[in-house]
C-alpha atoms as a PDB file:
ATOM      1  CA  MET A   1      12.184  41.203 145.151  1.00  0.00           C
ATOM      2  CA  ASP A   2      12.605  38.167 147.323  1.00  0.00           C
ATOM      3  CA  ILE A   3      16.046  37.207 148.474  1.00  0.00           C
ATOM      4  CA  GLU A   4      16.101  33.835 150.462  1.00  0.00           C
ATOM      5  CA  THR A   5      13.038  34.315 152.541  1.00  0.00           C
ATOM      6  CA  ASN A   6      10.924  31.650 154.117  1.00  0.00           C
ATOM      7  CA  THR A   7       8.139  32.389 151.523  1.00  0.00           C
ATOM      8  CA  SER A   8      10.257  32.671 148.335  1.00  0.00           C
ATOM      9  CA  THR A   9      10.819  29.853 145.921  1.00  0.00           C
ATOM     10  CA  ARG A  10      13.520  31.589 144.023  1.00  0.00           C
ATOM     11  CA  TYR A  11      16.550  33.248 145.488  1.00  0.00           C
ATOM     12  CA  LEU A  12      16.258  36.428 143.156  1.00  0.00           C
ATOM     13  CA  ASP A  13      13.943  37.497 140.434  1.00  0.00           C
ATOM     14  CA  ILE A  14      14.619  40.355 138.077  1.00  0.00           C
ATOM     15  CA  ASN A  15      11.529  41.224 136.117  1.00  0.00           C
ATOM     16  CA  ASN A  16      11.089  44.211 133.778  1.00  0.00           C
ATOM     17  CA  THR A  17       7.500  44.587 132.767  1.00  0.00           C
ATOM     18  CA  ALA A  18       8.057  47.640 130.698  1.00  0.00           C
ATOM     19  CA  GLY A  19       6.964  47.295 126.976  1.00  0.00           C
ATOM     20  CA  ASP A  20      10.626  47.524 126.031  1.00  0.00           C
ATOM     21  CA  GLY A  21      13.177  47.160 128.690  1.00  0.00           C
ATOM     22  CA  ASP A  22      16.328  44.947 129.618  1.00  0.00           C
ATOM     23  CA  PRO A  23      16.027  43.213 132.930  1.00  0.00           C
ATOM     24  CA  ALA A  24      19.827  43.544 133.929  1.00  0.00           C
ATOM     25  CA  ILE A  25      22.427  43.981 136.709  1.00  0.00           C
ATOM     26  CA  ASN A  26      24.844  46.545 136.522  1.00  0.00           C
ATOM     27  CA  PHE A  27      28.313  46.266 138.290  1.00  0.00           C
ATOM     28  CA  GLN A  28      29.331  49.949 139.192  1.00  0.00           C
ATOM     29  CA  LEU A  29      32.436  51.561 140.635  1.00  0.00           C
ATOM     30  CA  SER A  30      31.971  55.099 141.735  1.00  0.00           C
ATOM     31  CA  GLY A  31      28.608  55.266 139.914  1.00  0.00           C
ATOM     32  CA  ASN A  32      30.247  54.134 136.476  1.00  0.00           C
ATOM     33  CA  THR A  33      28.946  50.778 135.178  1.00  0.00           C
ATOM     34  CA  THR A  34      31.928  48.396 134.629  1.00  0.00           C
ATOM     35  CA  PHE A  35      29.914  45.418 133.559  1.00  0.00           C
ATOM     36  CA  SER A  36      26.455  44.486 132.813  1.00  0.00           C
ATOM     37  CA  LEU A  37      24.579  41.378 132.477  1.00  0.00           C
ATOM     38  CA  GLY A  38      21.020  40.549 131.316  1.00  0.00           C
ATOM     39  CA  LEU A  39      18.397  40.075 128.665  1.00  0.00           C
ATOM     40  CA  ASP A  40      18.588  42.097 125.646  1.00  0.00           C
ATOM     41  CA  ASP A  41      15.053  42.747 124.870  1.00  0.00           C
ATOM     42  CA  GLY A  42      15.734  44.426 121.680  1.00  0.00           C
ATOM     43  CA  ASP A  43      17.804  41.540 120.344  1.00  0.00           C
ATOM     44  CA  SER A  44      15.584  38.513 120.701  1.00  0.00           C
ATOM     45  CA  ASP A  45      16.011  38.288 124.466  1.00  0.00           C
ATOM     46  CA  LYS A  46      19.482  37.061 124.277  1.00  0.00           C
ATOM     47  CA  PHE A  47      21.598  36.855 127.426  1.00  0.00           C
ATOM     48  CA  LYS A  48      24.467  39.175 127.443  1.00  0.00           C
ATOM     49  CA  ILE A  49      27.604  40.374 129.352  1.00  0.00           C
ATOM     50  CA  GLY A  50      28.929  43.714 128.545  1.00  0.00           C
ATOM     51  CA  THR A  51      31.121  46.473 129.684  1.00  0.00           C
ATOM     52  CA  THR A  52      28.438  49.351 129.663  1.00  0.00           C
ATOM     53  CA  ALA A  53      24.605  48.775 129.039  1.00  0.00           C
ATOM     54  CA  ILE A  54      23.163  45.632 127.738  1.00  0.00           C
ATOM     55  CA  GLY A  55      23.425  45.465 124.033  1.00  0.00           C
ATOM     56  CA  THR A  56      26.416  47.949 124.189  1.00  0.00           C
ATOM     57  CA  ASN A  57      29.953  46.762 124.073  1.00  0.00           C
ATOM     58  CA  THR A  58      28.778  43.155 124.368  1.00  0.00           C
ATOM     59  CA  ARG A  59      31.477  40.746 125.259  1.00  0.00           C
ATOM     60  CA  LEU A  60      29.547  37.344 125.704  1.00  0.00           C
ATOM     61  CA  THR A  61      26.249  36.415 124.080  1.00  0.00           C
ATOM     62  CA  ILE A  62      24.062  33.384 124.715  1.00  0.00           C
ATOM     63  CA  ASP A  63      21.182  33.107 122.349  1.00  0.00           C
ATOM     64  CA  GLY A  64      17.845  31.059 122.717  1.00  0.00           C
ATOM     65  CA  SER A  65      19.352  28.063 120.588  1.00  0.00           C
ATOM     66  CA  GLY A  66      22.238  27.789 123.236  1.00  0.00           C
ATOM     67  CA  ASN A  67      24.976  29.232 120.766  1.00  0.00           C
ATOM     68  CA  VAL A  68      27.563  31.059 122.613  1.00  0.00           C
ATOM     69  CA  GLY A  69      29.413  34.132 121.060  1.00  0.00           C
ATOM     70  CA  ILE A  70      32.518  35.782 122.463  1.00  0.00           C
ATOM     71  CA  GLY A  71      33.029  39.051 120.658  1.00  0.00           C
ATOM     72  CA  THR A  72      29.914  38.541 118.791  1.00  0.00           C
ATOM     73  CA  SER A  73      26.296  39.164 119.556  1.00  0.00           C
ATOM     74  CA  SER A  74      25.163  36.895 116.776  1.00  0.00           C
ATOM     75  CA  PRO A  75      26.816  33.465 117.047  1.00  0.00           C
ATOM     76  CA  SER A  76      26.192  31.092 114.161  1.00  0.00           C
ATOM     77  CA  SER A  77      27.394  27.965 115.910  1.00  0.00           C
ATOM     78  CA  LEU A  78      27.563  26.273 119.280  1.00  0.00           C
ATOM     79  CA  MET A  79      30.718  28.528 120.056  1.00  0.00           C
ATOM     80  CA  GLU A  80      31.899  31.357 117.751  1.00  0.00           C
ATOM     81  CA  ILE A  81      34.890  33.502 118.627  1.00  0.00           C
ATOM     82  CA  SER A  82      35.218  36.713 116.815  1.00  0.00           C
ATOM     83  CA  SER A  83      37.679  39.629 117.020  1.00  0.00           C
ATOM     84  CA  GLY A  84      35.121  41.936 115.253  1.00  0.00           C
ATOM     85  CA  THR A  85      36.036  44.064 112.320  1.00  0.00           C
ATOM     86  CA  SER A  86      39.963  43.947 112.968  1.00  0.00           C
ATOM     87  CA  GLY A  87      42.553  42.013 114.781  1.00  0.00           C
ATOM     88  CA  ASN A  88      43.213  38.414 115.390  1.00  0.00           C
ATOM     89  CA  ALA A  89      40.843  35.998 117.273  1.00  0.00           C
ATOM     90  CA  VAL A  90      43.064  34.009 119.376  1.00  0.00           C
ATOM     91  CA  LEU A  91      42.135  30.997 121.594  1.00  0.00           C
ATOM     92  CA  THR A  92      44.654  30.123 124.121  1.00  0.00           C
ATOM     93  CA  ILE A  93      44.606  26.612 125.852  1.00  0.00           C
ATOM     94  CA  SER A  94      47.211  26.231 128.407  1.00  0.00           C
ATOM     95  CA  ALA A  95      48.348  23.271 130.193  1.00  0.00           C
ATOM     96  CA  ASP A  96      51.008  22.685 132.842  1.00  0.00           C
ATOM     97  CA  THR A  97      51.846  26.418 133.626  1.00  0.00           C
ATOM     98  CA  ASP A  98      54.054  25.288 136.596  1.00  0.00           C
ATOM     99  CA  ASN A  99      56.811  23.992 133.963  1.00  0.00           C
ATOM    100  CA  ASN A 100      57.273  20.858 136.182  1.00  0.00           C
ATOM    101  CA  ASP A 101      57.416  18.398 133.182  1.00  0.00           C
ATOM    102  CA  GLU A 102      54.251  16.411 134.292  1.00  0.00           C
ATOM    103  CA  ASP A 103      53.342  15.434 130.626  1.00  0.00           C
ATOM    104  CA  ASP A 104      50.311  17.829 130.619  1.00  0.00           C
ATOM    105  CA  ASN A 105      49.550  18.884 127.258  1.00  0.00           C
ATOM    106  CA  PRO A 106      47.147  21.370 125.702  1.00  0.00           C
ATOM    107  CA  MET A 107      44.584  19.357 123.446  1.00  0.00           C
ATOM    108  CA  ILE A 108      41.433  19.497 121.723  1.00  0.00           C
ATOM    109  CA  GLN A 109      39.225  16.448 121.249  1.00  0.00           C
ATOM    110  CA  PHE A 110      36.405  15.593 118.723  1.00  0.00           C
ATOM    111  CA  VAL A 111      33.918  13.042 119.826  1.00  0.00           C
ATOM    112  CA  HIS A 112      31.196  11.604 117.832  1.00  0.00           C
ATOM    113  CA  ASP A 113      27.968   9.951 119.176  1.00  0.00           C
ATOM    114  CA  GLY A 114      29.675   9.757 122.553  1.00  0.00           C
ATOM    115  CA  SER A 115      31.938   6.848 121.286  1.00  0.00           C
ATOM    116  CA  GLY A 116      35.181   8.263 122.532  1.00  0.00           C
ATOM    117  CA  VAL A 117      37.765  10.275 120.793  1.00  0.00           C
ATOM    118  CA  GLY A 118      37.331  10.262 117.054  1.00  0.00           C
ATOM    119  CA  ALA A 119      40.060  12.824 116.453  1.00  0.00           C
ATOM    120  CA  TYR A 120      42.252  15.272 118.433  1.00  0.00           C
ATOM    121  CA  MET A 121      44.735  18.226 117.860  1.00  0.00           C
ATOM    122  CA  SER A 122      47.591  18.082 120.389  1.00  0.00           C
ATOM    123  CA  MET A 123      51.202  18.575 121.205  1.00  0.00           C
ATOM    124  CA  GLU A 124      52.782  15.163 120.590  1.00  0.00           C
ATOM    125  CA  GLY A 125      56.209  13.658 120.250  1.00  0.00           C
ATOM    126  CA  ASN A 126      57.787  12.496 117.059  1.00  0.00           C
ATOM    127  CA  ASP A 127      56.756   8.855 117.827  1.00  0.00           C
ATOM    128  CA  GLY A 128      52.938   9.805 118.477  1.00  0.00           C
ATOM    129  CA  VAL A 129      53.266   9.376 122.197  1.00  0.00           C
ATOM    130  CA  THR A 130      51.918  12.348 123.986  1.00  0.00           C
ATOM    131  CA  ALA A 131      55.080  14.603 124.943  1.00  0.00           C
ATOM    132  CA  THR A 132      55.710  17.325 127.365  1.00  0.00           C
ATOM    133  CA  GLY A 133      54.582  20.223 125.155  1.00  0.00           C
ATOM    134  CA  THR A 134      57.922  21.636 124.141  1.00  0.00           C
ATOM    135  CA  LEU A 135      58.407  23.422 120.828  1.00  0.00           C
ATOM    136  CA  SER A 136      60.756  20.707 119.448  1.00  0.00           C
ATOM    137  CA  ASN A 137      57.620  18.355 119.424  1.00  0.00           C
ATOM    138  CA  ALA A 138      55.270  17.876 116.478  1.00  0.00           C
ATOM    139  CA  PHE A 139      51.752  19.356 116.456  1.00  0.00           C
ATOM    140  CA  MET A 140      49.433  16.470 115.772  1.00  0.00           C
ATOM    141  CA  ILE A 141      46.152  16.001 113.852  1.00  0.00           C
ATOM    142  CA  ALA A 142      44.997  12.444 114.142  1.00  0.00           C
ATOM    143  CA  SER A 143      41.812  10.628 113.229  1.00  0.00           C
ATOM    144  CA  GLY A 144      41.702   6.663 113.362  1.00  0.00           C
ATOM    145  CA  GLN A 145      44.712   5.539 110.914  1.00  0.00           C
ATOM    146  CA  VAL A 146      45.011   9.083 109.255  1.00  0.00           C
ATOM    147  CA  THR A 147      47.773  11.185 111.241  1.00  0.00           C
ATOM    148  CA  GLU A 148      49.243  14.438 109.778  1.00  0.00           C
ATOM    149  CA  SER A 149      52.232  15.885 111.780  1.00  0.00           C
ATOM    150  CA  TYR A 150      53.498  19.306 111.542  1.00  0.00           C
ATOM    151  CA  ASN A 151      56.753  19.966 113.100  1.00  0.00           C
ATOM    152  CA  LEU A 152      56.982  23.372 114.921  1.00  0.00           C
END
């Protein structure tokens, strides 16, 4: 192991040369692994972060295609969030958490071919102008001339 020596070209290499092994880093408290991260040799060398050993209780996975899974070890798209076999899969996007009314709004933008925002989902005022994100505002889904508004 080389850690920032004069002869090292890398800061840290973790190499498992066993026929079947997972190069990993375990984070422990009082000898108990709390988190681990590394490559799961038994699952197509996916990079995983879990709460015990690699491949067990996986919380985040990145596969060889660059797909990212949260709550799944087999992401089927660029980003997949799964609650597993039960429970809600909730994605929270927060803006303006200090409540200072700065017109900051949670938003998801859809961009095609790098040509700017093609569509978005956001908290909007009833007149289509970005509002302060209160529950009295409408939730907007917009694309070009087509706009759907859902009052909350």
